[in-house]
Amino acid sequence: MKTEEKISLDCPCCGESIYQPVSWFKKTYSTCPACDAGLASGQFEAAVREIEKALDDHVEDILYGQSSSGCCGCH
């Protein structure tokens, strides 16, 4: 079983760092563990999308090697 990736984002209300699995930030509604403020998934949507893309790109780099501009794979 694969463990879900955890990320850290700041609460938009209190600024404290929230370290949770990616799915926590995608839930329709959550509560900040630090200040108990109500949080909607839309508040984190752009940041989560950016982090997921970076993680996907990193996995592709590991599997296929870093992309290069040369046709033969040389830098």
C-alpha atoms as a PDB file:
ATOM      1  CA  MET A   1       0.000   0.000   0.000  1.00  0.00           C
ATOM      2  CA  LYS A   2       1.349   3.400  -0.987  1.00  0.00           C
ATOM      3  CA  THR A   3       1.552   6.075   1.677  1.00  0.00           C
ATOM      4  CA  GLU A   4      -0.003   9.328   0.593  1.00  0.00           C
ATOM      5  CA  GLU A   5       2.374  12.241   0.172  1.00  0.00           C
ATOM      6  CA  LYS A   6       2.184  14.852   2.916  1.00  0.00           C
ATOM      7  CA  ILE A   7       2.641  18.543   2.194  1.00  0.00           C
ATOM      8  CA  SER A   8       2.790  21.686   4.278  1.00  0.00           C
ATOM      9  CA  LEU A   9       0.752  24.806   3.506  1.00  0.00           C
ATOM     10  CA  ASP A  10       0.077  27.847   5.632  1.00  0.00           C
ATOM     11  CA  CYS A  11      -3.386  28.466   7.031  1.00  0.00           C
ATOM     12  CA  PRO A  12      -4.873  31.499   5.239  1.00  0.00           C
ATOM     13  CA  CYS A  13      -6.404  32.639   8.554  1.00  0.00           C
ATOM     14  CA  CYS A  14      -3.645  32.320  11.169  1.00  0.00           C
ATOM     15  CA  GLY A  15      -0.572  31.677   9.022  1.00  0.00           C
ATOM     16  CA  GLU A  16       0.439  28.526  10.913  1.00  0.00           C
ATOM     17  CA  SER A  17       1.865  25.682   8.866  1.00  0.00           C
ATOM     18  CA  ILE A  18      -0.529  22.768   8.263  1.00  0.00           C
ATOM     19  CA  TYR A  19       1.242  19.464   7.515  1.00  0.00           C
ATOM     20  CA  GLN A  20      -1.271  16.942   6.173  1.00  0.00           C
ATOM     21  CA  PRO A  21      -1.750  14.453   3.321  1.00  0.00           C
ATOM     22  CA  VAL A  22      -2.630  16.040  -0.032  1.00  0.00           C
ATOM     23  CA  SER A  23      -6.200  14.687   0.219  1.00  0.00           C
ATOM     24  CA  TRP A  24      -6.763  16.727   3.422  1.00  0.00           C
ATOM     25  CA  PHE A  25      -6.303  19.945   1.456  1.00  0.00           C
ATOM     26  CA  LYS A  26      -8.735  18.684  -1.208  1.00  0.00           C
ATOM     27  CA  LYS A  27     -11.585  17.977   1.223  1.00  0.00           C
ATOM     28  CA  THR A  28     -14.579  20.222   0.673  1.00  0.00           C
ATOM     29  CA  TYR A  29     -14.308  21.576   4.203  1.00  0.00           C
ATOM     30  CA  SER A  30     -11.622  21.237   6.878  1.00  0.00           C
ATOM     31  CA  THR A  31     -10.703  22.924  10.128  1.00  0.00           C
ATOM     32  CA  CYS A  32      -7.269  24.391  10.800  1.00  0.00           C
ATOM     33  CA  PRO A  33      -5.590  22.355  13.563  1.00  0.00           C
ATOM     34  CA  ALA A  34      -4.001  25.535  14.975  1.00  0.00           C
ATOM     35  CA  CYS A  35      -6.844  28.070  15.023  1.00  0.00           C
ATOM     36  CA  ASP A  36      -9.984  25.998  14.313  1.00  0.00           C
ATOM     37  CA  ALA A  37     -10.904  28.265  11.391  1.00  0.00           C
ATOM     38  CA  GLY A  38     -13.077  26.722   8.695  1.00  0.00           C
ATOM     39  CA  LEU A  39     -11.187  26.097   5.477  1.00  0.00           C
ATOM     40  CA  ALA A  40     -12.553  25.299   2.016  1.00  0.00           C
ATOM     41  CA  SER A  41     -10.660  23.237  -0.544  1.00  0.00           C
ATOM     42  CA  GLY A  42     -10.728  26.186  -2.961  1.00  0.00           C
ATOM     43  CA  GLN A  43      -8.432  28.110  -0.631  1.00  0.00           C
ATOM     44  CA  PHE A  44      -5.672  25.588  -1.333  1.00  0.00           C
ATOM     45  CA  GLU A  45      -6.551  24.561  -4.897  1.00  0.00           C
ATOM     46  CA  ALA A  46      -3.862  26.506  -6.788  1.00  0.00           C
ATOM     47  CA  ALA A  47      -1.081  25.590  -4.344  1.00  0.00           C
ATOM     48  CA  VAL A  48      -2.042  21.901  -4.308  1.00  0.00           C
ATOM     49  CA  ARG A  49      -2.169  21.798  -8.118  1.00  0.00           C
ATOM     50  CA  GLU A  50       1.304  23.378  -8.309  1.00  0.00           C
ATOM     51  CA  ILE A  51       2.742  20.946  -5.746  1.00  0.00           C
ATOM     52  CA  GLU A  52       1.188  17.920  -7.474  1.00  0.00           C
ATOM     53  CA  LYS A  53       2.662  19.017 -10.804  1.00  0.00           C
ATOM     54  CA  ALA A  54       6.095  19.425  -9.213  1.00  0.00           C
ATOM     55  CA  LEU A  55       5.819  15.962  -7.632  1.00  0.00           C
ATOM     56  CA  ASP A  56       4.743  14.433 -10.971  1.00  0.00           C
ATOM     57  CA  ASP A  57       7.624  16.144 -12.769  1.00  0.00           C
ATOM     58  CA  HIS A  58      10.042  14.854 -10.127  1.00  0.00           C
ATOM     59  CA  VAL A  59       8.792  11.283 -10.564  1.00  0.00           C
ATOM     60  CA  GLU A  60       9.169  11.562 -14.337  1.00  0.00           C
ATOM     61  CA  ASP A  61      12.731  12.836 -13.883  1.00  0.00           C
ATOM     62  CA  ILE A  62      13.514   9.840 -11.690  1.00  0.00           C
ATOM     63  CA  LEU A  63      11.956   7.358 -14.132  1.00  0.00           C
ATOM     64  CA  TYR A  64      13.100   8.831 -17.423  1.00  0.00           C
ATOM     65  CA  GLY A  65      16.006  11.084 -16.502  1.00  0.00           C
ATOM     66  CA  GLN A  66      15.985  14.836 -16.516  1.00  0.00           C
ATOM     67  CA  SER A  67      14.868  16.378 -19.762  1.00  0.00           C
ATOM     68  CA  SER A  68      17.465  18.186 -21.768  1.00  0.00           C
ATOM     69  CA  SER A  69      17.466  20.549 -24.679  1.00  0.00           C
ATOM     70  CA  GLY A  70      19.802  18.430 -26.816  1.00  0.00           C
ATOM     71  CA  CYS A  71      18.455  15.770 -29.176  1.00  0.00           C
ATOM     72  CA  CYS A  72      20.955  13.152 -27.992  1.00  0.00           C
ATOM     73  CA  GLY A  73      20.392  13.754 -24.299  1.00  0.00           C
ATOM     74  CA  CYS A  74      23.537  15.838 -23.933  1.00  0.00           C
ATOM     75  CA  HIS A  75      23.402  19.179 -22.151  1.00  0.00           C
END
